[in-house]
C-alpha atoms as a PDB file:
ATOM      1  CA  MET A   1      15.193  29.098 -60.051  1.00  0.00           C
ATOM      2  CA  ASN A   2      17.420  30.566 -57.332  1.00  0.00           C
ATOM      3  CA  ARG A   3      17.508  27.201 -55.605  1.00  0.00           C
ATOM      4  CA  LEU A   4      18.812  25.601 -58.826  1.00  0.00           C
ATOM      5  CA  ILE A   5      21.526  28.236 -59.194  1.00  0.00           C
ATOM      6  CA  TYR A   6      22.598  27.812 -55.556  1.00  0.00           C
ATOM      7  CA  SER A   7      22.714  24.042 -56.009  1.00  0.00           C
ATOM      8  CA  MET A   8      24.864  24.348 -59.119  1.00  0.00           C
ATOM      9  CA  VAL A   9      27.260  26.803 -57.431  1.00  0.00           C
ATOM     10  CA  ALA A  10      27.531  24.565 -54.366  1.00  0.00           C
ATOM     11  CA  THR A  11      28.191  21.509 -56.544  1.00  0.00           C
ATOM     12  CA  LEU A  12      30.891  23.336 -58.510  1.00  0.00           C
ATOM     13  CA  PHE A  13      32.479  24.565 -55.285  1.00  0.00           C
ATOM     14  CA  ILE A  14      32.567  21.046 -53.818  1.00  0.00           C
ATOM     15  CA  MET A  15      33.914  19.525 -57.029  1.00  0.00           C
ATOM     16  CA  ASN A  16      36.598  22.198 -57.265  1.00  0.00           C
ATOM     17  CA  SER A  17      37.779  21.539 -53.714  1.00  0.00           C
ATOM     18  CA  CYS A  18      38.014  17.742 -54.155  1.00  0.00           C
ATOM     19  CA  LYS A  19      41.234  16.078 -55.191  1.00  0.00           C
ATOM     20  CA  PHE A  20      40.479  13.761 -58.082  1.00  0.00           C
ATOM     21  CA  PRO A  21      42.693  10.801 -58.970  1.00  0.00           C
ATOM     22  CA  GLU A  22      45.119  11.123 -61.854  1.00  0.00           C
ATOM     23  CA  SER A  23      43.693  11.101 -65.345  1.00  0.00           C
ATOM     24  CA  GLY A  24      42.543   7.802 -66.765  1.00  0.00           C
ATOM     25  CA  PHE A  25      45.551   6.762 -68.848  1.00  0.00           C
ATOM     26  CA  LYS A  26      49.071   7.331 -70.066  1.00  0.00           C
ATOM     27  CA  ALA A  27      50.437   6.250 -73.424  1.00  0.00           C
ATOM     28  CA  ILE A  28      53.742   4.421 -73.780  1.00  0.00           C
ATOM     29  CA  LYS A  29      55.285   5.512 -77.076  1.00  0.00           C
ATOM     30  CA  ILE A  30      57.878   3.262 -78.683  1.00  0.00           C
ATOM     31  CA  TYR A  31      59.924   4.532 -81.629  1.00  0.00           C
ATOM     32  CA  ASN A  32      61.972   2.215 -83.827  1.00  0.00           C
ATOM     33  CA  TYR A  33      64.924   3.976 -85.457  1.00  0.00           C
ATOM     34  CA  SER A  34      66.646   0.756 -86.502  1.00  0.00           C
ATOM     35  CA  LYS A  35      66.679  -0.624 -90.036  1.00  0.00           C
ATOM     36  CA  ASP A  36      64.734  -3.748 -89.023  1.00  0.00           C
ATOM     37  CA  THR A  37      61.146  -4.356 -88.051  1.00  0.00           C
ATOM     38  CA  ILE A  38      60.975  -4.988 -84.334  1.00  0.00           C
ATOM     39  CA  ALA A  39      58.229  -6.419 -82.168  1.00  0.00           C
ATOM     40  CA  TYR A  40      56.970  -5.103 -78.847  1.00  0.00           C
ATOM     41  CA  PHE A  41      55.678  -7.131 -75.929  1.00  0.00           C
ATOM     42  CA  SER A  42      54.866  -5.909 -72.446  1.00  0.00           C
ATOM     43  CA  ASP A  43      54.194  -7.880 -69.294  1.00  0.00           C
ATOM     44  CA  GLU A  44      50.736  -6.960 -68.126  1.00  0.00           C
ATOM     45  CA  ARG A  45      48.981  -7.714 -64.891  1.00  0.00           C
ATOM     46  CA  HIS A  46      45.549  -6.242 -65.712  1.00  0.00           C
ATOM     47  CA  TYR A  47      44.798  -5.865 -62.004  1.00  0.00           C
ATOM     48  CA  ASP A  48      44.956  -9.646 -61.604  1.00  0.00           C
ATOM     49  CA  PRO A  49      48.262 -11.093 -60.352  1.00  0.00           C
ATOM     50  CA  ASP A  50      47.376 -14.463 -61.899  1.00  0.00           C
ATOM     51  CA  TYR A  51      46.804 -13.051 -65.400  1.00  0.00           C
ATOM     52  CA  PRO A  52      48.974 -15.180 -67.741  1.00  0.00           C
ATOM     53  CA  SER A  53      50.567 -12.352 -69.675  1.00  0.00           C
ATOM     54  CA  MET A  54      53.964 -12.300 -68.027  1.00  0.00           C
ATOM     55  CA  PHE A  55      56.686 -13.195 -70.528  1.00  0.00           C
ATOM     56  CA  ASP A  56      58.233 -15.951 -68.414  1.00  0.00           C
ATOM     57  CA  ASP A  57      54.804 -17.437 -67.664  1.00  0.00           C
ATOM     58  CA  LEU A  58      53.467 -17.517 -71.236  1.00  0.00           C
ATOM     59  CA  PRO A  59      52.689 -20.928 -72.694  1.00  0.00           C
ATOM     60  CA  ASP A  60      55.255 -21.960 -75.287  1.00  0.00           C
ATOM     61  CA  SER A  61      52.562 -22.057 -77.953  1.00  0.00           C
ATOM     62  CA  GLY A  62      52.853 -18.352 -78.666  1.00  0.00           C
ATOM     63  CA  MET A  63      52.297 -14.807 -77.633  1.00  0.00           C
ATOM     64  CA  HIS A  64      50.720 -11.618 -78.875  1.00  0.00           C
ATOM     65  CA  PHE A  65      53.255  -9.089 -80.100  1.00  0.00           C
ATOM     66  CA  VAL A  66      53.034  -5.800 -81.966  1.00  0.00           C
ATOM     67  CA  PRO A  67      55.330  -5.181 -84.953  1.00  0.00           C
ATOM     68  CA  ILE A  68      56.896  -1.712 -85.248  1.00  0.00           C
ATOM     69  CA  LYS A  69      58.145  -0.667 -88.666  1.00  0.00           C
ATOM     70  CA  PRO A  70      61.779   0.412 -89.154  1.00  0.00           C
ATOM     71  CA  ASN A  71      63.225   3.899 -89.733  1.00  0.00           C
ATOM     72  CA  GLY A  72      61.038   5.874 -87.359  1.00  0.00           C
ATOM     73  CA  GLY A  73      58.056   3.575 -86.951  1.00  0.00           C
ATOM     74  CA  MET A  74      56.035   4.238 -83.816  1.00  0.00           C
ATOM     75  CA  PHE A  75      53.575   2.379 -81.640  1.00  0.00           C
ATOM     76  CA  TYR A  76      51.765   3.494 -78.527  1.00  0.00           C
ATOM     77  CA  ASP A  77      50.195   1.406 -75.823  1.00  0.00           C
ATOM     78  CA  GLU A  78      47.694   2.827 -73.347  1.00  0.00           C
ATOM     79  CA  VAL A  79      48.168   2.164 -69.635  1.00  0.00           C
ATOM     80  CA  PHE A  80      44.989   2.856 -67.702  1.00  0.00           C
ATOM     81  CA  PHE A  81      45.364   4.152 -64.133  1.00  0.00           C
ATOM     82  CA  PRO A  82      49.179   3.943 -64.060  1.00  0.00           C
ATOM     83  CA  ASP A  83      49.535   3.987 -60.249  1.00  0.00           C
ATOM     84  CA  ALA A  84      47.334   0.919 -59.913  1.00  0.00           C
ATOM     85  CA  PHE A  85      49.012  -0.695 -62.935  1.00  0.00           C
ATOM     86  CA  PHE A  86      52.521  -0.463 -61.445  1.00  0.00           C
ATOM     87  CA  ASN A  87      51.323  -1.508 -57.999  1.00  0.00           C
ATOM     88  CA  ASN A  88      50.303  -4.895 -59.421  1.00  0.00           C
ATOM     89  CA  TYR A  89      53.956  -5.902 -59.854  1.00  0.00           C
ATOM     90  CA  PRO A  90      55.896  -7.229 -56.861  1.00  0.00           C
ATOM     91  CA  ASP A  91      58.825  -4.924 -57.728  1.00  0.00           C
ATOM     92  CA  LYS A  92      56.505  -2.102 -58.942  1.00  0.00           C
ATOM     93  CA  LYS A  93      58.096  -2.302 -62.428  1.00  0.00           C
ATOM     94  CA  THR A  94      56.637  -3.281 -65.766  1.00  0.00           C
ATOM     95  CA  LYS A  95      58.748  -5.282 -68.183  1.00  0.00           C
ATOM     96  CA  ILE A  96      58.913  -4.259 -71.835  1.00  0.00           C
ATOM     97  CA  TYR A  97      60.566  -6.507 -74.407  1.00  0.00           C
ATOM     98  CA  LEU A  98      61.700  -5.646 -77.921  1.00  0.00           C
ATOM     99  CA  PHE A  99      62.374  -8.461 -80.364  1.00  0.00           C
ATOM    100  CA  ASN A 100      63.662  -8.665 -83.893  1.00  0.00           C
ATOM    101  CA  LEU A 101      60.646  -9.804 -85.922  1.00  0.00           C
ATOM    102  CA  ASP A 102      62.816 -12.357 -87.739  1.00  0.00           C
ATOM    103  CA  THR A 103      63.709 -13.955 -84.391  1.00  0.00           C
ATOM    104  CA  LEU A 104      60.032 -14.444 -83.574  1.00  0.00           C
ATOM    105  CA  ASN A 105      59.473 -16.016 -86.991  1.00  0.00           C
ATOM    106  CA  GLN A 106      62.489 -18.355 -86.789  1.00  0.00           C
ATOM    107  CA  TYR A 107      62.415 -19.619 -83.208  1.00  0.00           C
ATOM    108  CA  SER A 108      59.817 -21.054 -80.887  1.00  0.00           C
ATOM    109  CA  LEU A 109      58.843 -19.066 -77.834  1.00  0.00           C
ATOM    110  CA  LYS A 110      60.391 -21.791 -75.690  1.00  0.00           C
ATOM    111  CA  GLU A 111      63.754 -21.289 -77.418  1.00  0.00           C
ATOM    112  CA  ILE A 112      63.501 -17.512 -77.168  1.00  0.00           C
ATOM    113  CA  LYS A 113      62.717 -17.650 -73.452  1.00  0.00           C
ATOM    114  CA  LYS A 114      65.482 -20.177 -72.760  1.00  0.00           C
ATOM    115  CA  SER A 115      68.141 -18.042 -74.450  1.00  0.00           C
ATOM    116  CA  SER A 116      66.685 -14.629 -73.514  1.00  0.00           C
ATOM    117  CA  ASN A 117      66.794 -13.884 -77.231  1.00  0.00           C
ATOM    118  CA  TYR A 118      65.362 -10.382 -77.253  1.00  0.00           C
ATOM    119  CA  LEU A 119      66.898  -7.138 -78.456  1.00  0.00           C
ATOM    120  CA  LYS A 120      66.220  -5.168 -75.308  1.00  0.00           C
ATOM    121  CA  ARG A 121      64.376  -5.602 -72.036  1.00  0.00           C
ATOM    122  CA  TYR A 122      63.305  -2.628 -69.961  1.00  0.00           C
ATOM    123  CA  ASP A 123      62.305  -2.938 -66.291  1.00  0.00           C
ATOM    124  CA  LEU A 124      60.633   0.392 -65.610  1.00  0.00           C
ATOM    125  CA  SER A 125      58.865   1.898 -62.626  1.00  0.00           C
ATOM    126  CA  HIS A 126      56.217   4.598 -62.810  1.00  0.00           C
ATOM    127  CA  HIS A 127      58.900   7.140 -61.897  1.00  0.00           C
ATOM    128  CA  ASP A 128      61.184   5.791 -64.658  1.00  0.00           C
ATOM    129  CA  MET A 129      58.393   6.119 -67.207  1.00  0.00           C
ATOM    130  CA  ASP A 130      57.647   9.681 -66.092  1.00  0.00           C
ATOM    131  CA  SER A 131      61.328  10.608 -66.431  1.00  0.00           C
ATOM    132  CA  LEU A 132      61.326   9.160 -69.972  1.00  0.00           C
ATOM    133  CA  ASN A 133      58.129  11.097 -70.748  1.00  0.00           C
ATOM    134  CA  TRP A 134      56.585   7.669 -71.409  1.00  0.00           C
ATOM    135  CA  THR A 135      58.726   7.371 -74.554  1.00  0.00           C
ATOM    136  CA  ILE A 136      61.147   4.588 -75.454  1.00  0.00           C
ATOM    137  CA  THR A 137      63.415   4.781 -78.485  1.00  0.00           C
ATOM    138  CA  TYR A 138      65.232   1.860 -80.066  1.00  0.00           C
ATOM    139  CA  PRO A 139      68.155   1.524 -80.536  1.00  0.00           C
END
């Protein structure tokens, strides 16, 4: 019994002295205070630089976007292991796009990309996101 107690105390001591990596995720919160429904899209690397989810690299056939309701609507997106996430970008910045939902319904993705027809684009580093408390408000 004493051996078990000593083992537990030793394990707790070792665990307490170790520096663990940051917690598993952060949540990007996007608030829409406009009168229109907007749509959110974020470039994502998913730890694979060839992952085809960069806005400029998307096929013109379409993309996955998340609508955010007007007048205080909110959406959050989880980013797992933020340090590793941001390190996957050559410039260490994620790109977040906000679109008017009507624009996405009226124009092809090819037309939208050609004219950069988005409401707002954010190029944000990990430090930028921390300073914003991982919260983006539109407008």
